[in-house]
Structures are given as structure tokens and as C-alpha cells.
Amino acid sequence: MSSAVITFVPLHTELGLIHASGVDAEKFLQGQFSNDLRTLASGHGQWSSYSTAKGRMIANFYVQRDGNDFWLSLADDMADTVIERLRKFRMMAKLEIKRGEPEFTLLAVYGNGAGELLGRALGVALGKSGNSGVVHDDSIITRLPWADAEAFLIILPASRLEALSAKLGAAGARAGAAEDWRRWAIQAGVGMISRATTEKVIPQELNLEVLGGINFKKGCYPGQEIVARSHYLGKLKNQTYRVAASAPLRSGEEIFCTSMGAQSIGIVINAAQDPLGGFAALAVLRAANAGESLIAGAPGGTPLTLKRLPYTLPLDVASEE
């Protein structure tokens, strides 16, 4: 997963940005999300999710904090849905929930040495551990907790994007495209729920427990009972795998295996073209069948091959390449 080239990617076409602010922001969001916001320091980040009462994820997101303000980066086509639902349950809580755009935007910087280069460009020292970050000059710069990869997510005023991009380019980084970012996230084993997959899986099935996106001691939130039961009673049957194909894959596409016939055993979460050839994806699969011949789309459809993830899967009974 390492990269000799440092790349920066504006993410306004890939991820949406939600801004929650106000004296009750922490208390309200703490009762809605799967992770513990009380432990989150200013400038730092964490994975989290928002589910229905049945534990099905409406969306997952990366949360970054700036004092009493919280910023959620999530699939762009889910931002308005999450805002509308949060506002519905806000009641008398004193907070504002809105889109972060167009005033603010997202920039990703990825590759070996990204933190050092980015720190020089911004004139600030950056953390070396995942989820650590700083608030600097109206921006939040946080290192993502990706295994075997150095990646940073920056929330900054949109008016400063061009200048920062120019600085990074002058320092030797190259400009990338949104699909580059999606491919890196797939390699890192980090899936994002979109409109095609919303309310299809529970948080653990997207490996959020492995990625540090669930706190089992924080108290109640929508779907908490289902999530806890899957954890403590060992009822989890599905998890997210990295797969490859020779033909395009799409989010929401069902996956089949030889022994189950026309019965689906999984779903594609995210997909991207691989510049080395073929297509890469993350897919939630039934662990007991993940070692079989896998096919996307329909029985007799596109063959899939399992690829390694940079972390251990709790239910992994399949042999990976």
C-alpha cells in the first residue's frame, strides 16, 4: 500500500461535509453515533456511524473536532439524508446542523512522507499516529488511522484550496483524482456507505469495530442493542473483504457463490478502477462462503478474487491471496 509519490486530491465530488455546532452538539451527537465523542480531542478524528433502530447503517463517516464543533466527512449522496434525520430528532437541543460546503471543503494528502511535506507547506507540526491532528489557521488536519498508509484528511476554507494545492505541487506532490482516493480507501479496507447501500449492513459488517468506529461502553444510541448483541453474543456472520474483478463493479451490486446458487451472500460497497488493470472493490460477504468461487451481479456474472486487507478480519475463514 505504500506510495513513493505524495498525492493530493480535492474531495468535493467524492465526499460531503456536515458541520454540527452549538453548546449541545457533543451531547446530542453522542446519543446518535456509534463512537464516543467525549474522548475526541480538538483536531483529532475517529470513525463512526449512524444507524436505524434495527442497527442498519444509514451512513458511516469520519468525524473531526474543532472545540465544540464537529465535522462529518461521508459519501456525498448521503449528506443531506443524514442532516435531515439528525434535525428530526434534535428537539430542543441547542445546535445547528448544516452542510459544510460551499464555505469549506475537503482535501486528502496521501503517500510516504505526506505528513512531513504537508507540515512544511502549512508551517505546523503534524501527529504521527492515526486519528491525531491539529486545528491550524481555520483548518483541521488529521492523520487517518489507515494501516500501512500515510494519509491526511484536511477540512479547510474553500477560498484557500487553490493556494494550498499550489504549495503542495511546488513541494513535489502531484494532483490526483477522486477515483484515486476511492482506490486508496479500498486498499486500506475503509468502506463508505452510499445511497446504493444505505440501511443494508450493520457497523461491524463494514469492519467498523476493527477500524475503531464503535465504542461498546458509551451508552445508548440508535441500533446499539443490535450492535452490542453481534459483539457480545458472537452473532456476526458477515464482514467486509477486498476483492478484484476484470470487469467494472458498482456499489449495491449483489454477490453470489457456487454453493448458494441464486441466493445472494454479499453486496459491493465501493468500487474503483485499478490503474494496473481490472477493478478493485470492497464487499460485505458471508464469511462462511467467502472462500468459494465468488461472482458479482448474478449467478454466471463477473468472477471475483479475494485480495488481502492490511488488518485482520475477526471472522476470516477464507484463504486470501
C-alpha atoms as a PDB file:
ATOM      1  CA  MET A   1       0.000   0.000   0.000  1.00  0.00           C
ATOM      2  CA  SER A   2       2.946   2.336   0.321  1.00  0.00           C
ATOM      3  CA  SER A   3       3.451   5.024  -2.260  1.00  0.00           C
ATOM      4  CA  ALA A   4       6.664   6.702  -3.374  1.00  0.00           C
ATOM      5  CA  VAL A   5       4.622   9.596  -4.736  1.00  0.00           C
ATOM      6  CA  ILE A   6       2.755  12.030  -2.486  1.00  0.00           C
ATOM      7  CA  THR A   7      -0.626  12.891  -3.970  1.00  0.00           C
ATOM      8  CA  PHE A   8      -3.246  15.477  -3.032  1.00  0.00           C
ATOM      9  CA  VAL A   9      -6.896  15.130  -4.033  1.00  0.00           C
ATOM     10  CA  PRO A  10      -9.762  17.638  -3.615  1.00  0.00           C
ATOM     11  CA  LEU A  11     -12.711  15.544  -2.457  1.00  0.00           C
ATOM     12  CA  HIS A  12     -15.692  17.808  -3.184  1.00  0.00           C
ATOM     13  CA  THR A  13     -17.004  15.369  -5.832  1.00  0.00           C
ATOM     14  CA  GLU A  14     -16.486  12.303  -3.641  1.00  0.00           C
ATOM     15  CA  LEU A  15     -17.332  13.213  -0.039  1.00  0.00           C
ATOM     16  CA  GLY A  16     -19.873  15.511   1.520  1.00  0.00           C
ATOM     17  CA  LEU A  17     -19.222  17.585   4.627  1.00  0.00           C
ATOM     18  CA  ILE A  18     -21.602  18.086   7.565  1.00  0.00           C
ATOM     19  CA  HIS A  19     -20.967  20.739  10.219  1.00  0.00           C
ATOM     20  CA  ALA A  20     -22.610  20.438  13.648  1.00  0.00           C
ATOM     21  CA  SER A  21     -22.039  23.293  16.105  1.00  0.00           C
ATOM     22  CA  GLY A  22     -23.503  24.640  19.333  1.00  0.00           C
ATOM     23  CA  VAL A  23     -23.371  24.120  23.093  1.00  0.00           C
ATOM     24  CA  ASP A  24     -25.379  20.878  22.867  1.00  0.00           C
ATOM     25  CA  ALA A  25     -23.570  19.434  19.833  1.00  0.00           C
ATOM     26  CA  GLU A  26     -21.491  16.886  21.749  1.00  0.00           C
ATOM     27  CA  LYS A  27     -24.355  15.739  23.976  1.00  0.00           C
ATOM     28  CA  PHE A  28     -26.808  15.361  21.099  1.00  0.00           C
ATOM     29  CA  LEU A  29     -24.448  13.600  18.691  1.00  0.00           C
ATOM     30  CA  GLN A  30     -23.158  11.360  21.490  1.00  0.00           C
ATOM     31  CA  GLY A  31     -26.663   9.880  21.691  1.00  0.00           C
ATOM     32  CA  GLN A  32     -26.825   9.260  17.940  1.00  0.00           C
ATOM     33  CA  PHE A  33     -23.473   7.832  16.817  1.00  0.00           C
ATOM     34  CA  SER A  34     -21.660   4.523  17.431  1.00  0.00           C
ATOM     35  CA  ASN A  35     -18.423   6.041  18.756  1.00  0.00           C
ATOM     36  CA  ASP A  36     -17.624   8.085  21.877  1.00  0.00           C
ATOM     37  CA  LEU A  37     -17.292  11.772  21.015  1.00  0.00           C
ATOM     38  CA  ARG A  38     -16.357  12.656  24.595  1.00  0.00           C
ATOM     39  CA  THR A  39     -12.903  11.147  24.077  1.00  0.00           C
ATOM     40  CA  LEU A  40     -12.253  13.145  20.895  1.00  0.00           C
ATOM     41  CA  ALA A  41      -9.762  15.995  21.305  1.00  0.00           C
ATOM     42  CA  SER A  42      -9.785  19.120  19.164  1.00  0.00           C
ATOM     43  CA  GLY A  43      -8.073  18.469  15.832  1.00  0.00           C
ATOM     44  CA  HIS A  44      -8.369  14.711  16.219  1.00  0.00           C
ATOM     45  CA  GLY A  45     -10.694  12.327  14.396  1.00  0.00           C
ATOM     46  CA  GLN A  46     -12.487   8.991  14.638  1.00  0.00           C
ATOM     47  CA  TRP A  47     -14.612   6.685  12.509  1.00  0.00           C
ATOM     48  CA  SER A  48     -18.255   6.445  13.495  1.00  0.00           C
ATOM     49  CA  SER A  49     -21.689   5.600  12.110  1.00  0.00           C
ATOM     50  CA  TYR A  50     -25.367   6.480  12.315  1.00  0.00           C
ATOM     51  CA  SER A  51     -27.904   3.661  12.269  1.00  0.00           C
ATOM     52  CA  THR A  52     -31.601   2.913  12.368  1.00  0.00           C
ATOM     53  CA  ALA A  53     -33.195   1.405  15.477  1.00  0.00           C
ATOM     54  CA  LYS A  54     -32.642  -2.002  13.837  1.00  0.00           C
ATOM     55  CA  GLY A  55     -28.894  -1.408  13.669  1.00  0.00           C
ATOM     56  CA  ARG A  56     -28.735  -0.881   9.914  1.00  0.00           C
ATOM     57  CA  MET A  57     -26.268   1.834   8.984  1.00  0.00           C
ATOM     58  CA  ILE A  58     -27.767   4.915   7.401  1.00  0.00           C
ATOM     59  CA  ALA A  59     -24.227   6.176   6.846  1.00  0.00           C
ATOM     60  CA  ASN A  60     -20.719   5.989   8.227  1.00  0.00           C
ATOM     61  CA  PHE A  61     -18.302   8.893   8.403  1.00  0.00           C
ATOM     62  CA  TYR A  62     -15.025  10.256   9.674  1.00  0.00           C
ATOM     63  CA  VAL A  63     -15.584  12.784  12.482  1.00  0.00           C
ATOM     64  CA  GLN A  64     -13.123  15.634  13.151  1.00  0.00           C
ATOM     65  CA  ARG A  65     -13.455  18.007  16.079  1.00  0.00           C
ATOM     66  CA  ASP A  66     -12.719  21.716  16.491  1.00  0.00           C
ATOM     67  CA  GLY A  67     -13.674  22.742  20.028  1.00  0.00           C
ATOM     68  CA  ASN A  68     -17.475  22.438  20.273  1.00  0.00           C
ATOM     69  CA  ASP A  69     -17.798  21.949  16.506  1.00  0.00           C
ATOM     70  CA  PHE A  70     -17.956  18.539  14.810  1.00  0.00           C
ATOM     71  CA  TRP A  71     -17.331  17.876  11.124  1.00  0.00           C
ATOM     72  CA  LEU A  72     -18.508  14.689   9.397  1.00  0.00           C
ATOM     73  CA  SER A  73     -16.989  13.510   6.101  1.00  0.00           C
ATOM     74  CA  LEU A  74     -19.220  10.969   4.386  1.00  0.00           C
ATOM     75  CA  ALA A  75     -20.461   9.810   0.992  1.00  0.00           C
ATOM     76  CA  ASP A  76     -21.678  12.931  -0.774  1.00  0.00           C
ATOM     77  CA  ASP A  77     -25.048  11.427  -1.710  1.00  0.00           C
ATOM     78  CA  MET A  78     -25.812  10.681   1.975  1.00  0.00           C
ATOM     79  CA  ALA A  79     -25.042  14.103   3.499  1.00  0.00           C
ATOM     80  CA  ASP A  80     -28.486  15.663   3.072  1.00  0.00           C
ATOM     81  CA  THR A  81     -30.213  12.491   4.287  1.00  0.00           C
ATOM     82  CA  VAL A  82     -28.149  12.420   7.485  1.00  0.00           C
ATOM     83  CA  ILE A  83     -28.715  16.142   8.108  1.00  0.00           C
ATOM     84  CA  GLU A  84     -32.473  15.788   7.674  1.00  0.00           C
ATOM     85  CA  ARG A  85     -32.646  12.807  10.042  1.00  0.00           C
ATOM     86  CA  LEU A  86     -30.484  14.413  12.718  1.00  0.00           C
ATOM     87  CA  ARG A  87     -32.568  17.589  12.592  1.00  0.00           C
ATOM     88  CA  LYS A  88     -35.723  15.496  13.000  1.00  0.00           C
ATOM     89  CA  PHE A  89     -34.503  14.204  16.383  1.00  0.00           C
ATOM     90  CA  ARG A  90     -32.815  17.415  17.531  1.00  0.00           C
ATOM     91  CA  MET A  91     -35.876  18.517  19.532  1.00  0.00           C
ATOM     92  CA  MET A  92     -34.834  21.338  21.938  1.00  0.00           C
ATOM     93  CA  ALA A  93     -31.085  20.709  21.712  1.00  0.00           C
ATOM     94  CA  LYS A  94     -29.073  23.865  21.054  1.00  0.00           C
ATOM     95  CA  LEU A  95     -27.081  23.073  17.945  1.00  0.00           C
ATOM     96  CA  GLU A  96     -27.017  23.797  14.227  1.00  0.00           C
ATOM     97  CA  ILE A  97     -26.584  21.025  11.661  1.00  0.00           C
ATOM     98  CA  LYS A  98     -25.829  22.020   8.083  1.00  0.00           C
ATOM     99  CA  ARG A  99     -23.693  21.313   5.022  1.00  0.00           C
ATOM    100  CA  GLY A 100     -20.089  22.445   5.376  1.00  0.00           C
ATOM    101  CA  GLU A 101     -19.933  23.363   1.714  1.00  0.00           C
ATOM    102  CA  PRO A 102     -19.514  25.719  -0.068  1.00  0.00           C
ATOM    103  CA  GLU A 103     -17.639  27.699   2.601  1.00  0.00           C
ATOM    104  CA  PHE A 104     -15.431  24.729   3.490  1.00  0.00           C
ATOM    105  CA  THR A 105     -14.058  21.838   1.501  1.00  0.00           C
ATOM    106  CA  LEU A 106     -12.052  18.623   1.895  1.00  0.00           C
ATOM    107  CA  LEU A 107      -8.543  17.812   0.707  1.00  0.00           C
ATOM    108  CA  ALA A 108      -6.743  14.486   1.076  1.00  0.00           C
ATOM    109  CA  VAL A 109      -2.955  14.075   1.035  1.00  0.00           C
ATOM    110  CA  TYR A 110      -1.554  10.568   0.681  1.00  0.00           C
ATOM    111  CA  GLY A 111       1.827   8.828   0.387  1.00  0.00           C
ATOM    112  CA  ASN A 112       5.053   8.125   2.254  1.00  0.00           C
ATOM    113  CA  GLY A 113       6.270  11.398   3.728  1.00  0.00           C
ATOM    114  CA  ALA A 114       2.898  13.107   3.339  1.00  0.00           C
ATOM    115  CA  GLY A 115       2.898  14.369   6.910  1.00  0.00           C
ATOM    116  CA  GLU A 116       6.338  15.950   6.645  1.00  0.00           C
ATOM    117  CA  LEU A 117       5.557  17.623   3.307  1.00  0.00           C
ATOM    118  CA  LEU A 118       2.151  18.821   4.482  1.00  0.00           C
ATOM    119  CA  GLY A 119       3.606  20.138   7.727  1.00  0.00           C
ATOM    120  CA  ARG A 120       6.173  22.191   5.823  1.00  0.00           C
ATOM    121  CA  ALA A 121       3.526  23.582   3.493  1.00  0.00           C
ATOM    122  CA  LEU A 122       1.295  24.633   6.393  1.00  0.00           C
ATOM    123  CA  GLY A 123       4.022  25.587   8.825  1.00  0.00           C
ATOM    124  CA  VAL A 124       2.760  23.277  11.557  1.00  0.00           C
ATOM    125  CA  ALA A 125       3.914  20.043  13.208  1.00  0.00           C
ATOM    126  CA  LEU A 126       1.586  17.104  12.494  1.00  0.00           C
ATOM    127  CA  GLY A 127       0.974  13.976  14.529  1.00  0.00           C
ATOM    128  CA  LYS A 128       2.460  10.641  13.514  1.00  0.00           C
ATOM    129  CA  SER A 129      -0.309   8.421  14.890  1.00  0.00           C
ATOM    130  CA  GLY A 130      -3.674   7.648  13.361  1.00  0.00           C
ATOM    131  CA  ASN A 131      -6.581   9.922  14.356  1.00  0.00           C
ATOM    132  CA  SER A 132      -4.206  12.612  15.684  1.00  0.00           C
ATOM    133  CA  GLY A 133      -4.385  16.111  14.293  1.00  0.00           C
ATOM    134  CA  VAL A 134      -4.343  19.850  14.830  1.00  0.00           C
ATOM    135  CA  VAL A 135      -6.527  22.882  14.274  1.00  0.00           C
ATOM    136  CA  HIS A 136      -4.484  25.462  12.392  1.00  0.00           C
ATOM    137  CA  ASP A 137      -5.455  28.647  10.556  1.00  0.00           C
ATOM    138  CA  ASP A 138      -9.198  27.769  10.334  1.00  0.00           C
ATOM    139  CA  SER A 139      -8.321  24.266   9.112  1.00  0.00           C
ATOM    140  CA  ILE A 140      -8.424  20.802  10.702  1.00  0.00           C
ATOM    141  CA  ILE A 141      -5.594  18.492   9.630  1.00  0.00           C
ATOM    142  CA  THR A 142      -5.960  14.900  10.842  1.00  0.00           C
ATOM    143  CA  ARG A 143      -3.976  11.768  10.081  1.00  0.00           C
ATOM    144  CA  LEU A 144      -6.300   8.946   9.124  1.00  0.00           C
ATOM    145  CA  PRO A 145      -5.910   5.638  11.012  1.00  0.00           C
ATOM    146  CA  TRP A 146      -5.079   3.704   7.855  1.00  0.00           C
ATOM    147  CA  ALA A 147      -2.857   0.667   8.303  1.00  0.00           C
ATOM    148  CA  ASP A 148       0.296   0.675   6.150  1.00  0.00           C
ATOM    149  CA  ALA A 149      -0.532   4.079   4.652  1.00  0.00           C
ATOM    150  CA  GLU A 150       0.200   7.715   5.465  1.00  0.00           C
ATOM    151  CA  ALA A 151      -2.938   9.689   4.675  1.00  0.00           C
ATOM    152  CA  PHE A 152      -4.312  13.004   5.923  1.00  0.00           C
ATOM    153  CA  LEU A 153      -7.785  14.497   5.705  1.00  0.00           C
ATOM    154  CA  ILE A 154      -7.962  18.299   5.754  1.00  0.00           C
ATOM    155  CA  ILE A 155     -11.040  20.463   6.268  1.00  0.00           C
ATOM    156  CA  LEU A 156     -10.236  23.986   5.113  1.00  0.00           C
ATOM    157  CA  PRO A 157     -11.914  27.153   3.850  1.00  0.00           C
ATOM    158  CA  ALA A 158     -12.664  26.669   0.165  1.00  0.00           C
ATOM    159  CA  SER A 159     -11.019  30.009  -0.568  1.00  0.00           C
ATOM    160  CA  ARG A 160      -7.653  28.535   0.489  1.00  0.00           C
ATOM    161  CA  LEU A 161      -7.781  25.303  -1.506  1.00  0.00           C
ATOM    162  CA  GLU A 162      -6.076  26.688  -4.599  1.00  0.00           C
ATOM    163  CA  ALA A 163      -3.206  28.238  -2.632  1.00  0.00           C
ATOM    164  CA  LEU A 164      -2.559  25.078  -0.593  1.00  0.00           C
ATOM    165  CA  SER A 165      -2.715  22.916  -3.712  1.00  0.00           C
ATOM    166  CA  ALA A 166      -0.140  25.181  -5.354  1.00  0.00           C
ATOM    167  CA  LYS A 167       2.153  24.864  -2.318  1.00  0.00           C
ATOM    168  CA  LEU A 168       1.872  21.089  -2.339  1.00  0.00           C
ATOM    169  CA  GLY A 169       2.553  20.957  -6.065  1.00  0.00           C
ATOM    170  CA  ALA A 170       5.599  23.203  -5.696  1.00  0.00           C
ATOM    171  CA  ALA A 171       6.868  20.890  -2.933  1.00  0.00           C
ATOM    172  CA  GLY A 172       6.753  17.895  -5.263  1.00  0.00           C
ATOM    173  CA  ALA A 173       3.299  16.392  -4.671  1.00  0.00           C
ATOM    174  CA  ARG A 174       1.072  15.561  -7.623  1.00  0.00           C
ATOM    175  CA  ALA A 175      -2.608  16.281  -8.117  1.00  0.00           C
ATOM    176  CA  GLY A 176      -4.866  13.228  -8.125  1.00  0.00           C
ATOM    177  CA  ALA A 177      -8.478  12.439  -8.952  1.00  0.00           C
ATOM    178  CA  ALA A 178     -11.377  11.380  -6.734  1.00  0.00           C
ATOM    179  CA  GLU A 179     -11.143   7.815  -8.036  1.00  0.00           C
ATOM    180  CA  ASP A 180      -7.540   7.670  -6.766  1.00  0.00           C
ATOM    181  CA  TRP A 181      -8.866   8.415  -3.289  1.00  0.00           C
ATOM    182  CA  ARG A 182     -11.576   5.773  -3.580  1.00  0.00           C
ATOM    183  CA  ARG A 183      -8.994   3.195  -4.677  1.00  0.00           C
ATOM    184  CA  TRP A 184      -6.702   4.059  -1.733  1.00  0.00           C
ATOM    185  CA  ALA A 185      -9.621   3.695   0.680  1.00  0.00           C
ATOM    186  CA  ILE A 186     -10.400   0.289  -0.840  1.00  0.00           C
ATOM    187  CA  GLN A 187      -6.767  -0.776  -0.361  1.00  0.00           C
ATOM    188  CA  ALA A 188      -6.958   0.456   3.239  1.00  0.00           C
ATOM    189  CA  GLY A 189     -10.137  -1.552   3.791  1.00  0.00           C
ATOM    190  CA  VAL A 190     -12.209   1.531   4.588  1.00  0.00           C
ATOM    191  CA  GLY A 191     -15.685   1.412   3.047  1.00  0.00           C
ATOM    192  CA  MET A 192     -18.183   4.258   2.776  1.00  0.00           C
ATOM    193  CA  ILE A 193     -21.943   3.675   2.814  1.00  0.00           C
ATOM    194  CA  SER A 194     -23.684   5.435  -0.093  1.00  0.00           C
ATOM    195  CA  ARG A 195     -27.264   5.732  -1.281  1.00  0.00           C
ATOM    196  CA  ALA A 196     -26.900   2.343  -3.020  1.00  0.00           C
ATOM    197  CA  THR A 197     -26.015   0.582   0.256  1.00  0.00           C
ATOM    198  CA  THR A 198     -27.710   2.627   2.983  1.00  0.00           C
ATOM    199  CA  GLU A 199     -29.558   0.517   5.589  1.00  0.00           C
ATOM    200  CA  LYS A 200     -28.097  -2.679   4.106  1.00  0.00           C
ATOM    201  CA  VAL A 201     -25.470  -3.626   6.729  1.00  0.00           C
ATOM    202  CA  ILE A 202     -24.686  -3.155  10.416  1.00  0.00           C
ATOM    203  CA  PRO A 203     -21.491  -1.359  11.554  1.00  0.00           C
ATOM    204  CA  GLN A 204     -19.430  -4.497  12.300  1.00  0.00           C
ATOM    205  CA  GLU A 205     -20.162  -5.860   8.831  1.00  0.00           C
ATOM    206  CA  LEU A 206     -18.295  -2.856   7.411  1.00  0.00           C
ATOM    207  CA  ASN A 207     -15.377  -3.720   9.759  1.00  0.00           C
ATOM    208  CA  LEU A 208     -16.018  -0.596  11.842  1.00  0.00           C
ATOM    209  CA  GLU A 209     -15.200  -2.492  15.017  1.00  0.00           C
ATOM    210  CA  VAL A 210     -11.754  -3.337  13.608  1.00  0.00           C
ATOM    211  CA  LEU A 211     -11.314   0.272  12.396  1.00  0.00           C
ATOM    212  CA  GLY A 212     -12.110   1.746  15.811  1.00  0.00           C
ATOM    213  CA  GLY A 213     -15.520   3.132  14.858  1.00  0.00           C
ATOM    214  CA  ILE A 214     -17.582   1.515  17.634  1.00  0.00           C
ATOM    215  CA  ASN A 215     -17.419   2.089  21.388  1.00  0.00           C
ATOM    216  CA  PHE A 216     -19.258  -0.619  23.328  1.00  0.00           C
ATOM    217  CA  LYS A 217     -19.178   1.253  26.651  1.00  0.00           C
ATOM    218  CA  LYS A 218     -20.532   4.659  25.593  1.00  0.00           C
ATOM    219  CA  GLY A 219     -24.216   4.053  26.264  1.00  0.00           C
ATOM    220  CA  CYS A 220     -27.343   4.167  24.146  1.00  0.00           C
ATOM    221  CA  TYR A 221     -27.694   5.259  20.528  1.00  0.00           C
ATOM    222  CA  PRO A 222     -29.981   4.059  17.704  1.00  0.00           C
ATOM    223  CA  GLY A 223     -29.243   0.404  16.929  1.00  0.00           C
ATOM    224  CA  GLN A 224     -26.955  -0.002  19.960  1.00  0.00           C
ATOM    225  CA  GLU A 225     -28.690  -3.173  21.151  1.00  0.00           C
ATOM    226  CA  ILE A 226     -28.219  -4.917  17.785  1.00  0.00           C
ATOM    227  CA  VAL A 227     -24.580  -3.834  17.547  1.00  0.00           C
ATOM    228  CA  ALA A 228     -23.852  -4.983  21.112  1.00  0.00           C
ATOM    229  CA  ARG A 229     -25.584  -8.322  20.593  1.00  0.00           C
ATOM    230  CA  SER A 230     -23.485  -9.050  17.496  1.00  0.00           C
ATOM    231  CA  HIS A 231     -20.353  -8.258  19.506  1.00  0.00           C
ATOM    232  CA  TYR A 232     -21.010  -9.968  22.825  1.00  0.00           C
ATOM    233  CA  LEU A 233     -23.030 -12.965  21.638  1.00  0.00           C
ATOM    234  CA  GLY A 234     -20.876 -13.766  18.613  1.00  0.00           C
ATOM    235  CA  LYS A 235     -23.757 -13.444  16.153  1.00  0.00           C
ATOM    236  CA  LEU A 236     -21.787 -11.684  13.420  1.00  0.00           C
ATOM    237  CA  LYS A 237     -21.767 -13.652  10.152  1.00  0.00           C
ATOM    238  CA  ASN A 238     -20.678 -11.075   7.576  1.00  0.00           C
ATOM    239  CA  GLN A 239     -17.646  -8.821   7.192  1.00  0.00           C
ATOM    240  CA  THR A 240     -16.001  -6.648   4.557  1.00  0.00           C
ATOM    241  CA  TYR A 241     -13.431  -8.104   2.158  1.00  0.00           C
ATOM    242  CA  ARG A 242     -11.319  -6.591  -0.604  1.00  0.00           C
ATOM    243  CA  VAL A 243     -11.983  -8.126  -3.996  1.00  0.00           C
ATOM    244  CA  ALA A 244     -10.780  -7.714  -7.581  1.00  0.00           C
ATOM    245  CA  ALA A 245     -12.516  -8.230 -10.922  1.00  0.00           C
ATOM    246  CA  SER A 246     -11.736  -7.952 -14.620  1.00  0.00           C
ATOM    247  CA  ALA A 247     -14.971  -6.045 -15.340  1.00  0.00           C
ATOM    248  CA  PRO A 248     -16.492  -2.936 -13.699  1.00  0.00           C
ATOM    249  CA  LEU A 249     -18.296  -3.326 -10.368  1.00  0.00           C
ATOM    250  CA  ARG A 250     -20.854  -0.979  -8.863  1.00  0.00           C
ATOM    251  CA  SER A 251     -21.993  -0.140  -5.344  1.00  0.00           C
ATOM    252  CA  GLY A 252     -25.042  -2.138  -4.319  1.00  0.00           C
ATOM    253  CA  GLU A 253     -24.332  -4.986  -6.736  1.00  0.00           C
ATOM    254  CA  GLU A 254     -25.119  -8.378  -5.208  1.00  0.00           C
ATOM    255  CA  ILE A 255     -22.565 -11.173  -4.899  1.00  0.00           C
ATOM    256  CA  PHE A 256     -23.138 -14.907  -5.272  1.00  0.00           C
ATOM    257  CA  CYS A 257     -21.134 -18.091  -4.693  1.00  0.00           C
ATOM    258  CA  THR A 258     -21.172 -21.620  -6.110  1.00  0.00           C
ATOM    259  CA  SER A 259     -22.819 -23.405  -3.172  1.00  0.00           C
ATOM    260  CA  MET A 260     -25.673 -20.929  -2.622  1.00  0.00           C
ATOM    261  CA  GLY A 261     -26.966 -20.729  -6.181  1.00  0.00           C
ATOM    262  CA  ALA A 262     -29.286 -17.770  -6.715  1.00  0.00           C
ATOM    263  CA  GLN A 263     -29.151 -16.731  -3.043  1.00  0.00           C
ATOM    264  CA  SER A 264     -27.020 -13.624  -2.543  1.00  0.00           C
ATOM    265  CA  ILE A 265     -24.208 -13.868   0.015  1.00  0.00           C
ATOM    266  CA  GLY A 266     -22.981 -10.276  -0.166  1.00  0.00           C
ATOM    267  CA  ILE A 267     -23.010  -6.790  -1.636  1.00  0.00           C
ATOM    268  CA  VAL A 268     -20.454  -4.458  -3.230  1.00  0.00           C
ATOM    269  CA  ILE A 269     -19.848  -1.383  -1.054  1.00  0.00           C
ATOM    270  CA  ASN A 270     -17.360   0.700  -3.078  1.00  0.00           C
ATOM    271  CA  ALA A 271     -15.516   0.100  -6.361  1.00  0.00           C
ATOM    272  CA  ALA A 272     -12.814   1.781  -8.436  1.00  0.00           C
ATOM    273  CA  GLN A 273     -10.714   1.106 -11.500  1.00  0.00           C
ATOM    274  CA  ASP A 274      -7.224  -0.219 -10.829  1.00  0.00           C
ATOM    275  CA  PRO A 275      -4.588   1.586 -12.949  1.00  0.00           C
ATOM    276  CA  LEU A 276      -2.606  -1.677 -13.058  1.00  0.00           C
ATOM    277  CA  GLY A 277      -5.563  -3.390 -14.685  1.00  0.00           C
ATOM    278  CA  GLY A 278      -9.029  -4.543 -13.717  1.00  0.00           C
ATOM    279  CA  PHE A 279     -11.219  -3.200 -10.943  1.00  0.00           C
ATOM    280  CA  ALA A 280     -10.991  -3.148  -7.149  1.00  0.00           C
ATOM    281  CA  ALA A 281     -13.806  -3.157  -4.596  1.00  0.00           C
ATOM    282  CA  LEU A 282     -14.827  -3.658  -1.012  1.00  0.00           C
ATOM    283  CA  ALA A 283     -17.704  -6.058  -0.460  1.00  0.00           C
ATOM    284  CA  VAL A 284     -19.602  -7.307   2.564  1.00  0.00           C
ATOM    285  CA  LEU A 285     -19.642 -11.106   2.324  1.00  0.00           C
ATOM    286  CA  ARG A 286     -20.905 -14.023   4.365  1.00  0.00           C
ATOM    287  CA  ALA A 287     -17.675 -15.228   5.952  1.00  0.00           C
ATOM    288  CA  ALA A 288     -18.597 -18.910   5.711  1.00  0.00           C
ATOM    289  CA  ASN A 289     -18.797 -18.637   1.902  1.00  0.00           C
ATOM    290  CA  ALA A 290     -16.018 -16.125   1.236  1.00  0.00           C
ATOM    291  CA  GLY A 291     -13.540 -18.873   0.298  1.00  0.00           C
ATOM    292  CA  GLU A 292     -15.722 -20.171  -2.538  1.00  0.00           C
ATOM    293  CA  SER A 293     -15.820 -19.010  -6.144  1.00  0.00           C
ATOM    294  CA  LEU A 294     -17.432 -15.587  -5.982  1.00  0.00           C
ATOM    295  CA  ILE A 295     -19.487 -13.912  -8.708  1.00  0.00           C
ATOM    296  CA  ALA A 296     -20.854 -10.353  -8.869  1.00  0.00           C
ATOM    297  CA  GLY A 297     -24.099  -9.206 -10.460  1.00  0.00           C
ATOM    298  CA  ALA A 298     -25.830 -12.552 -10.942  1.00  0.00           C
ATOM    299  CA  PRO A 299     -25.020 -16.261 -10.980  1.00  0.00           C
ATOM    300  CA  GLY A 300     -22.767 -16.584 -14.008  1.00  0.00           C
ATOM    301  CA  GLY A 301     -21.745 -12.912 -13.752  1.00  0.00           C
ATOM    302  CA  THR A 302     -18.348 -11.318 -13.087  1.00  0.00           C
ATOM    303  CA  PRO A 303     -15.848 -13.575 -11.250  1.00  0.00           C
ATOM    304  CA  LEU A 304     -14.215 -12.074  -8.156  1.00  0.00           C
ATOM    305  CA  THR A 305     -10.888 -12.739  -6.486  1.00  0.00           C
ATOM    306  CA  LEU A 306     -10.181 -12.085  -2.806  1.00  0.00           C
ATOM    307  CA  LYS A 307      -7.293  -9.741  -2.010  1.00  0.00           C
ATOM    308  CA  ARG A 308      -5.503  -9.094   1.262  1.00  0.00           C
ATOM    309  CA  LEU A 309      -6.520  -6.344   3.657  1.00  0.00           C
ATOM    310  CA  PRO A 310      -3.960  -4.543   5.849  1.00  0.00           C
ATOM    311  CA  TYR A 311      -5.685  -5.725   9.030  1.00  0.00           C
ATOM    312  CA  THR A 312      -7.029  -8.957  10.486  1.00  0.00           C
ATOM    313  CA  LEU A 313     -10.672  -9.882   9.995  1.00  0.00           C
ATOM    314  CA  PRO A 314     -12.364 -11.419  13.041  1.00  0.00           C
ATOM    315  CA  LEU A 315     -14.384 -13.974  11.073  1.00  0.00           C
ATOM    316  CA  ASP A 316     -11.837 -14.671   8.390  1.00  0.00           C
ATOM    317  CA  VAL A 317     -12.178 -18.334   7.468  1.00  0.00           C
ATOM    318  CA  ALA A 318     -11.270 -17.740   3.824  1.00  0.00           C
ATOM    319  CA  SER A 319      -7.862 -18.150   2.262  1.00  0.00           C
ATOM    320  CA  GLU A 320      -6.710 -14.879   0.722  1.00  0.00           C
ATOM    321  CA  GLU A 321      -4.167 -14.195  -1.976  1.00  0.00           C
END
